[in-house]
PDB file of N, CA and C in Angstrom:
ATOM      1  N   MET A   1      13.304 -18.865 -10.933  1.00  0.00           N
ATOM      2  CA  MET A   1      12.236 -17.880 -10.824  1.00  0.00           C
ATOM      3  C   MET A   1      12.736 -16.661 -10.070  1.00  0.00           C
ATOM      4  N   GLN A   2      12.491 -15.495 -10.644  1.00  0.00           N
ATOM      5  CA  GLN A   2      12.969 -14.259 -10.040  1.00  0.00           C
ATOM      6  C   GLN A   2      11.968 -13.753  -9.003  1.00  0.00           C
ATOM      7  N   LYS A   3      12.487 -13.356  -7.869  1.00  0.00           N
ATOM      8  CA  LYS A   3      11.653 -12.830  -6.788  1.00  0.00           C
ATOM      9  C   LYS A   3      11.211 -11.403  -7.129  1.00  0.00           C
ATOM     10  N   LEU A   4       9.955 -11.091  -6.829  1.00  0.00           N
ATOM     11  CA  LEU A   4       9.443  -9.744  -7.065  1.00  0.00           C
ATOM     12  C   LEU A   4      10.088  -8.758  -6.101  1.00  0.00           C
ATOM     13  N   PRO A   5      10.239  -7.495  -6.525  1.00  0.00           N
ATOM     14  CA  PRO A   5      10.731  -6.475  -5.600  1.00  0.00           C
ATOM     15  C   PRO A   5       9.751  -6.315  -4.427  1.00  0.00           C
ATOM     16  N   GLN A   6      10.257  -5.875  -3.282  1.00  0.00           N
ATOM     17  CA  GLN A   6       9.416  -5.732  -2.096  1.00  0.00           C
ATOM     18  C   GLN A   6       8.234  -4.807  -2.324  1.00  0.00           C
ATOM     19  N   TYR A   7       8.468  -3.685  -3.035  1.00  0.00           N
ATOM     20  CA  TYR A   7       7.363  -2.755  -3.236  1.00  0.00           C
ATOM     21  C   TYR A   7       6.244  -3.407  -4.039  1.00  0.00           C
ATOM     22  N   GLU A   8       6.613  -4.270  -4.980  1.00  0.00           N
ATOM     23  CA  GLU A   8       5.609  -4.926  -5.810  1.00  0.00           C
ATOM     24  C   GLU A   8       4.829  -5.975  -5.007  1.00  0.00           C
ATOM     25  N   MET A   9       5.519  -6.666  -4.111  1.00  0.00           N
ATOM     26  CA  MET A   9       4.827  -7.627  -3.249  1.00  0.00           C
ATOM     27  C   MET A   9       3.845  -6.897  -2.326  1.00  0.00           C
ATOM     28  N   LEU A  10       4.278  -5.749  -1.779  1.00  0.00           N
ATOM     29  CA  LEU A  10       3.390  -4.963  -0.916  1.00  0.00           C
ATOM     30  C   LEU A  10       2.227  -4.400  -1.724  1.00  0.00           C
ATOM     31  N   TYR A  11       2.517  -3.891  -2.915  1.00  0.00           N
ATOM     32  CA  TYR A  11       1.465  -3.397  -3.809  1.00  0.00           C
ATOM     33  C   TYR A  11       0.428  -4.486  -4.065  1.00  0.00           C
ATOM     34  N   ASN A  12       0.881  -5.690  -4.417  1.00  0.00           N
ATOM     35  CA  ASN A  12      -0.037  -6.794  -4.704  1.00  0.00           C
ATOM     36  C   ASN A  12      -0.888  -7.142  -3.488  1.00  0.00           C
ATOM     37  N   ARG A  13      -0.258  -7.160  -2.313  1.00  0.00           N
ATOM     38  CA  ARG A  13      -0.995  -7.496  -1.094  1.00  0.00           C
ATOM     39  C   ARG A  13      -2.055  -6.449  -0.779  1.00  0.00           C
ATOM     40  N   LEU A  14      -1.666  -5.172  -0.830  1.00  0.00           N
ATOM     41  CA  LEU A  14      -2.628  -4.101  -0.532  1.00  0.00           C
ATOM     42  C   LEU A  14      -3.756  -4.074  -1.565  1.00  0.00           C
ATOM     43  N   LYS A  15      -3.415  -4.300  -2.819  1.00  0.00           N
ATOM     44  CA  LYS A  15      -4.434  -4.324  -3.871  1.00  0.00           C
ATOM     45  C   LYS A  15      -5.437  -5.447  -3.614  1.00  0.00           C
ATOM     46  N   ARG A  16      -4.942  -6.650  -3.262  1.00  0.00           N
ATOM     47  CA  ARG A  16      -5.840  -7.772  -2.935  1.00  0.00           C
ATOM     48  C   ARG A  16      -6.744  -7.411  -1.764  1.00  0.00           C
ATOM     49  N   GLU A  17      -6.168  -6.774  -0.737  1.00  0.00           N
ATOM     50  CA  GLU A  17      -6.948  -6.405   0.442  1.00  0.00           C
ATOM     51  C   GLU A  17      -7.999  -5.351   0.106  1.00  0.00           C
ATOM     52  N   ILE A  18      -7.651  -4.406  -0.741  1.00  0.00           N
ATOM     53  CA  ILE A  18      -8.624  -3.385  -1.165  1.00  0.00           C
ATOM     54  C   ILE A  18      -9.765  -4.042  -1.938  1.00  0.00           C
ATOM     55  N   LEU A  19      -9.427  -4.919  -2.878  1.00  0.00           N
ATOM     56  CA  LEU A  19     -10.448  -5.595  -3.682  1.00  0.00           C
ATOM     57  C   LEU A  19     -11.312  -6.539  -2.848  1.00  0.00           C
ATOM     58  N   ALA A  20     -10.767  -7.044  -1.737  1.00  0.00           N
ATOM     59  CA  ALA A  20     -11.510  -7.959  -0.859  1.00  0.00           C
ATOM     60  C   ALA A  20     -12.267  -7.195   0.232  1.00  0.00           C
ATOM     61  N   ASP A  21     -12.291  -5.875   0.138  1.00  0.00           N
ATOM     62  CA  ASP A  21     -12.990  -5.014   1.104  1.00  0.00           C
ATOM     63  C   ASP A  21     -12.418  -5.072   2.510  1.00  0.00           C
ATOM     64  N   VAL A  22     -11.155  -5.454   2.636  1.00  0.00           N
ATOM     65  CA  VAL A  22     -10.483  -5.306   3.924  1.00  0.00           C
ATOM     66  C   VAL A  22     -10.414  -3.809   4.229  1.00  0.00           C
ATOM     67  N   TYR A  23     -10.204  -3.020   3.171  1.00  0.00           N
ATOM     68  CA  TYR A  23     -10.247  -1.560   3.255  1.00  0.00           C
ATOM     69  C   TYR A  23     -11.369  -1.082   2.326  1.00  0.00           C
ATOM     70  N   PRO A  24     -12.584  -0.947   2.853  1.00  0.00           N
ATOM     71  CA  PRO A  24     -13.707  -0.533   2.011  1.00  0.00           C
ATOM     72  C   PRO A  24     -13.515   0.880   1.444  1.00  0.00           C
ATOM     73  N   VAL A  25     -14.308   1.212   0.455  1.00  0.00           N
ATOM     74  CA  VAL A  25     -14.282   2.548  -0.141  1.00  0.00           C
ATOM     75  C   VAL A  25     -14.450   3.581   0.970  1.00  0.00           C
ATOM     76  N   ASP A  26     -13.682   4.646   0.879  1.00  0.00           N
ATOM     77  CA  ASP A  26     -13.682   5.759   1.834  1.00  0.00           C
ATOM     78  C   ASP A  26     -13.060   5.430   3.189  1.00  0.00           C
ATOM     79  N   SER A  27     -12.477   4.239   3.333  1.00  0.00           N
ATOM     80  CA  SER A  27     -11.764   3.942   4.579  1.00  0.00           C
ATOM     81  C   SER A  27     -10.337   4.465   4.461  1.00  0.00           C
ATOM     82  N   ILE A  28      -9.627   4.449   5.568  1.00  0.00           N
ATOM     83  CA  ILE A  28      -8.263   4.954   5.604  1.00  0.00           C
ATOM     84  C   ILE A  28      -7.297   3.788   5.779  1.00  0.00           C
ATOM     85  N   LEU A  29      -6.300   3.754   4.909  1.00  0.00           N
ATOM     86  CA  LEU A  29      -5.244   2.739   5.036  1.00  0.00           C
ATOM     87  C   LEU A  29      -4.385   3.063   6.258  1.00  0.00           C
ATOM     88  N   PRO A  30      -3.666   2.081   6.776  1.00  0.00           N
ATOM     89  CA  PRO A  30      -2.716   2.369   7.852  1.00  0.00           C
ATOM     90  C   PRO A  30      -1.680   3.399   7.379  1.00  0.00           C
ATOM     91  N   SER A  31      -1.080   4.100   8.323  1.00  0.00           N
ATOM     92  CA  SER A  31      -0.067   5.105   7.985  1.00  0.00           C
ATOM     93  C   SER A  31       1.161   4.439   7.356  1.00  0.00           C
ATOM     94  N   GLU A  32       1.983   5.247   6.703  1.00  0.00           N
ATOM     95  CA  GLU A  32       3.225   4.719   6.126  1.00  0.00           C
ATOM     96  C   GLU A  32       4.070   4.057   7.209  1.00  0.00           C
ATOM     97  N   ASN A  33       4.145   4.693   8.373  1.00  0.00           N
ATOM     98  CA  ASN A  33       4.939   4.115   9.469  1.00  0.00           C
ATOM     99  C   ASN A  33       4.390   2.760   9.891  1.00  0.00           C
ATOM    100  N   ASP A  34       3.066   2.659  10.003  1.00  0.00           N
ATOM    101  CA  ASP A  34       2.450   1.387  10.387  1.00  0.00           C
ATOM    102  C   ASP A  34       2.706   0.312   9.338  1.00  0.00           C
ATOM    103  N   LEU A  35       2.575   0.674   8.068  1.00  0.00           N
ATOM    104  CA  LEU A  35       2.827  -0.288   6.998  1.00  0.00           C
ATOM    105  C   LEU A  35       4.283  -0.747   7.014  1.00  0.00           C
ATOM    106  N   CYS A  36       5.203   0.175   7.306  1.00  0.00           N
ATOM    107  CA  CYS A  36       6.623  -0.192   7.411  1.00  0.00           C
ATOM    108  C   CYS A  36       6.819  -1.222   8.513  1.00  0.00           C
ATOM    109  N   SER A  37       6.212  -0.963   9.660  1.00  0.00           N
ATOM    110  CA  SER A  37       6.376  -1.859  10.810  1.00  0.00           C
ATOM    111  C   SER A  37       5.744  -3.219  10.568  1.00  0.00           C
ATOM    112  N   VAL A  38       4.502  -3.215  10.101  1.00  0.00           N
ATOM    113  CA  VAL A  38       3.764  -4.462   9.915  1.00  0.00           C
ATOM    114  C   VAL A  38       4.422  -5.342   8.851  1.00  0.00           C
ATOM    115  N   HIS A  39       4.886  -4.744   7.777  1.00  0.00           N
ATOM    116  CA  HIS A  39       5.429  -5.519   6.662  1.00  0.00           C
ATOM    117  C   HIS A  39       6.955  -5.591   6.671  1.00  0.00           C
ATOM    118  N   ASN A  40       7.559  -4.940   7.670  1.00  0.00           N
ATOM    119  CA  ASN A  40       9.006  -4.967   7.843  1.00  0.00           C
ATOM    120  C   ASN A  40       9.741  -4.530   6.574  1.00  0.00           C
ATOM    121  N   VAL A  41       9.340  -3.375   6.059  1.00  0.00           N
ATOM    122  CA  VAL A  41       9.958  -2.820   4.851  1.00  0.00           C
ATOM    123  C   VAL A  41      10.311  -1.357   5.094  1.00  0.00           C
ATOM    124  N   ALA A  42      11.144  -0.820   4.224  1.00  0.00           N
ATOM    125  CA  ALA A  42      11.563   0.578   4.312  1.00  0.00           C
ATOM    126  C   ALA A  42      10.434   1.501   3.859  1.00  0.00           C
ATOM    127  N   ARG A  43      10.481   2.732   4.324  1.00  0.00           N
ATOM    128  CA  ARG A  43       9.463   3.719   3.965  1.00  0.00           C
ATOM    129  C   ARG A  43       9.420   3.935   2.447  1.00  0.00           C
ATOM    130  N   SER A  44      10.573   3.910   1.794  1.00  0.00           N
ATOM    131  CA  SER A  44      10.598   4.099   0.340  1.00  0.00           C
ATOM    132  C   SER A  44       9.840   2.977  -0.370  1.00  0.00           C
ATOM    133  N   THR A  45       9.894   1.777   0.183  1.00  0.00           N
ATOM    134  CA  THR A  45       9.156   0.638  -0.377  1.00  0.00           C
ATOM    135  C   THR A  45       7.656   0.880  -0.264  1.00  0.00           C
ATOM    136  N   VAL A  46       7.229   1.346   0.909  1.00  0.00           N
ATOM    137  CA  VAL A  46       5.805   1.648   1.130  1.00  0.00           C
ATOM    138  C   VAL A  46       5.364   2.749   0.177  1.00  0.00           C
ATOM    139  N   ARG A  47       6.173   3.769   0.045  1.00  0.00           N
ATOM    140  CA  ARG A  47       5.800   4.890  -0.827  1.00  0.00           C
ATOM    141  C   ARG A  47       5.677   4.463  -2.284  1.00  0.00           C
ATOM    142  N   GLN A  48       6.567   3.585  -2.732  1.00  0.00           N
ATOM    143  CA  GLN A  48       6.473   3.085  -4.114  1.00  0.00           C
ATOM    144  C   GLN A  48       5.177   2.308  -4.319  1.00  0.00           C
ATOM    145  N   ALA A  49       4.849   1.449  -3.363  1.00  0.00           N
ATOM    146  CA  ALA A  49       3.628   0.648  -3.469  1.00  0.00           C
ATOM    147  C   ALA A  49       2.393   1.552  -3.470  1.00  0.00           C
ATOM    148  N   LEU A  50       2.362   2.526  -2.559  1.00  0.00           N
ATOM    149  CA  LEU A  50       1.214   3.435  -2.478  1.00  0.00           C
ATOM    150  C   LEU A  50       1.102   4.316  -3.721  1.00  0.00           C
ATOM    151  N   SER A  51       2.240   4.729  -4.241  1.00  0.00           N
ATOM    152  CA  SER A  51       2.242   5.547  -5.450  1.00  0.00           C
ATOM    153  C   SER A  51       1.648   4.777  -6.630  1.00  0.00           C
ATOM    154  N   ARG A  52       1.992   3.518  -6.735  1.00  0.00           N
ATOM    155  CA  ARG A  52       1.446   2.691  -7.820  1.00  0.00           C
ATOM    156  C   ARG A  52      -0.062   2.486  -7.636  1.00  0.00           C
ATOM    157  N   LEU A  53      -0.484   2.229  -6.390  1.00  0.00           N
ATOM    158  CA  LEU A  53      -1.918   2.082  -6.130  1.00  0.00           C
ATOM    159  C   LEU A  53      -2.667   3.364  -6.484  1.00  0.00           C
ATOM    160  N   GLU A  54      -2.064   4.504  -6.174  1.00  0.00           N
ATOM    161  CA  GLU A  54      -2.697   5.782  -6.494  1.00  0.00           C
ATOM    162  C   GLU A  54      -2.763   6.001  -8.002  1.00  0.00           C
ATOM    163  N   SER A  55      -1.675   5.704  -8.700  1.00  0.00           N
ATOM    164  CA  SER A  55      -1.645   5.930 -10.150  1.00  0.00           C
ATOM    165  C   SER A  55      -2.641   5.036 -10.886  1.00  0.00           C
ATOM    166  N   GLU A  56      -2.975   3.885 -10.282  1.00  0.00           N
ATOM    167  CA  GLU A  56      -3.941   2.974 -10.896  1.00  0.00           C
ATOM    168  C   GLU A  56      -5.367   3.186 -10.380  1.00  0.00           C
ATOM    169  N   GLY A  57      -5.545   4.207  -9.532  1.00  0.00           N
ATOM    170  CA  GLY A  57      -6.884   4.577  -9.085  1.00  0.00           C
ATOM    171  C   GLY A  57      -7.448   3.773  -7.917  1.00  0.00           C
ATOM    172  N   PHE A  58      -6.610   3.002  -7.232  1.00  0.00           N
ATOM    173  CA  PHE A  58      -7.100   2.215  -6.100  1.00  0.00           C
ATOM    174  C   PHE A  58      -7.191   3.031  -4.821  1.00  0.00           C
ATOM    175  N   ILE A  59      -6.346   4.050  -4.696  1.00  0.00           N
ATOM    176  CA  ILE A  59      -6.362   4.895  -3.507  1.00  0.00           C
ATOM    177  C   ILE A  59      -6.209   6.352  -3.918  1.00  0.00           C
ATOM    178  N   GLN A  60      -6.545   7.247  -2.975  1.00  0.00           N
ATOM    179  CA  GLN A  60      -6.262   8.669  -3.119  1.00  0.00           C
ATOM    180  C   GLN A  60      -5.451   9.061  -1.898  1.00  0.00           C
ATOM    181  N   LYS A  61      -4.317   9.693  -2.131  1.00  0.00           N
ATOM    182  CA  LYS A  61      -3.478  10.123  -1.013  1.00  0.00           C
ATOM    183  C   LYS A  61      -3.921  11.518  -0.557  1.00  0.00           C
ATOM    184  N   GLN A  62      -3.972  11.683   0.756  1.00  0.00           N
ATOM    185  CA  GLN A  62      -4.241  12.984   1.340  1.00  0.00           C
ATOM    186  C   GLN A  62      -3.275  13.179   2.493  1.00  0.00           C
ATOM    187  N   LYS A  63      -2.438  14.186   2.386  1.00  0.00           N
ATOM    188  CA  LYS A  63      -1.431  14.426   3.407  1.00  0.00           C
ATOM    189  C   LYS A  63      -2.077  14.563   4.785  1.00  0.00           C
ATOM    190  N   GLY A  64      -1.520  13.835   5.742  1.00  0.00           N
ATOM    191  CA  GLY A  64      -2.002  13.924   7.118  1.00  0.00           C
ATOM    192  C   GLY A  64      -3.238  13.113   7.425  1.00  0.00           C
ATOM    193  N   LYS A  65      -3.722  12.320   6.472  1.00  0.00           N
ATOM    194  CA  LYS A  65      -4.962  11.561   6.671  1.00  0.00           C
ATOM    195  C   LYS A  65      -4.740  10.077   6.887  1.00  0.00           C
ATOM    196  N   GLY A  66      -3.498   9.607   6.891  1.00  0.00           N
ATOM    197  CA  GLY A  66      -3.254   8.178   7.065  1.00  0.00           C
ATOM    198  C   GLY A  66      -3.119   7.492   5.734  1.00  0.00           C
TER     199      GLY A  66
END
């Protein structure tokens, strides 16, 4: 069995949390730096996961808003 890339694992986790209302509509996700620290991944990994969530309509990115 092939292991999923880190960004995909983070994407799946954040998506589950969004759908479970851990992050309700109009709430702010942790910053990229916080996500890097908490999940022990590189910033590029976080950005890939967030970009996918944005492209699928789960989040909206706003510079400087977390």
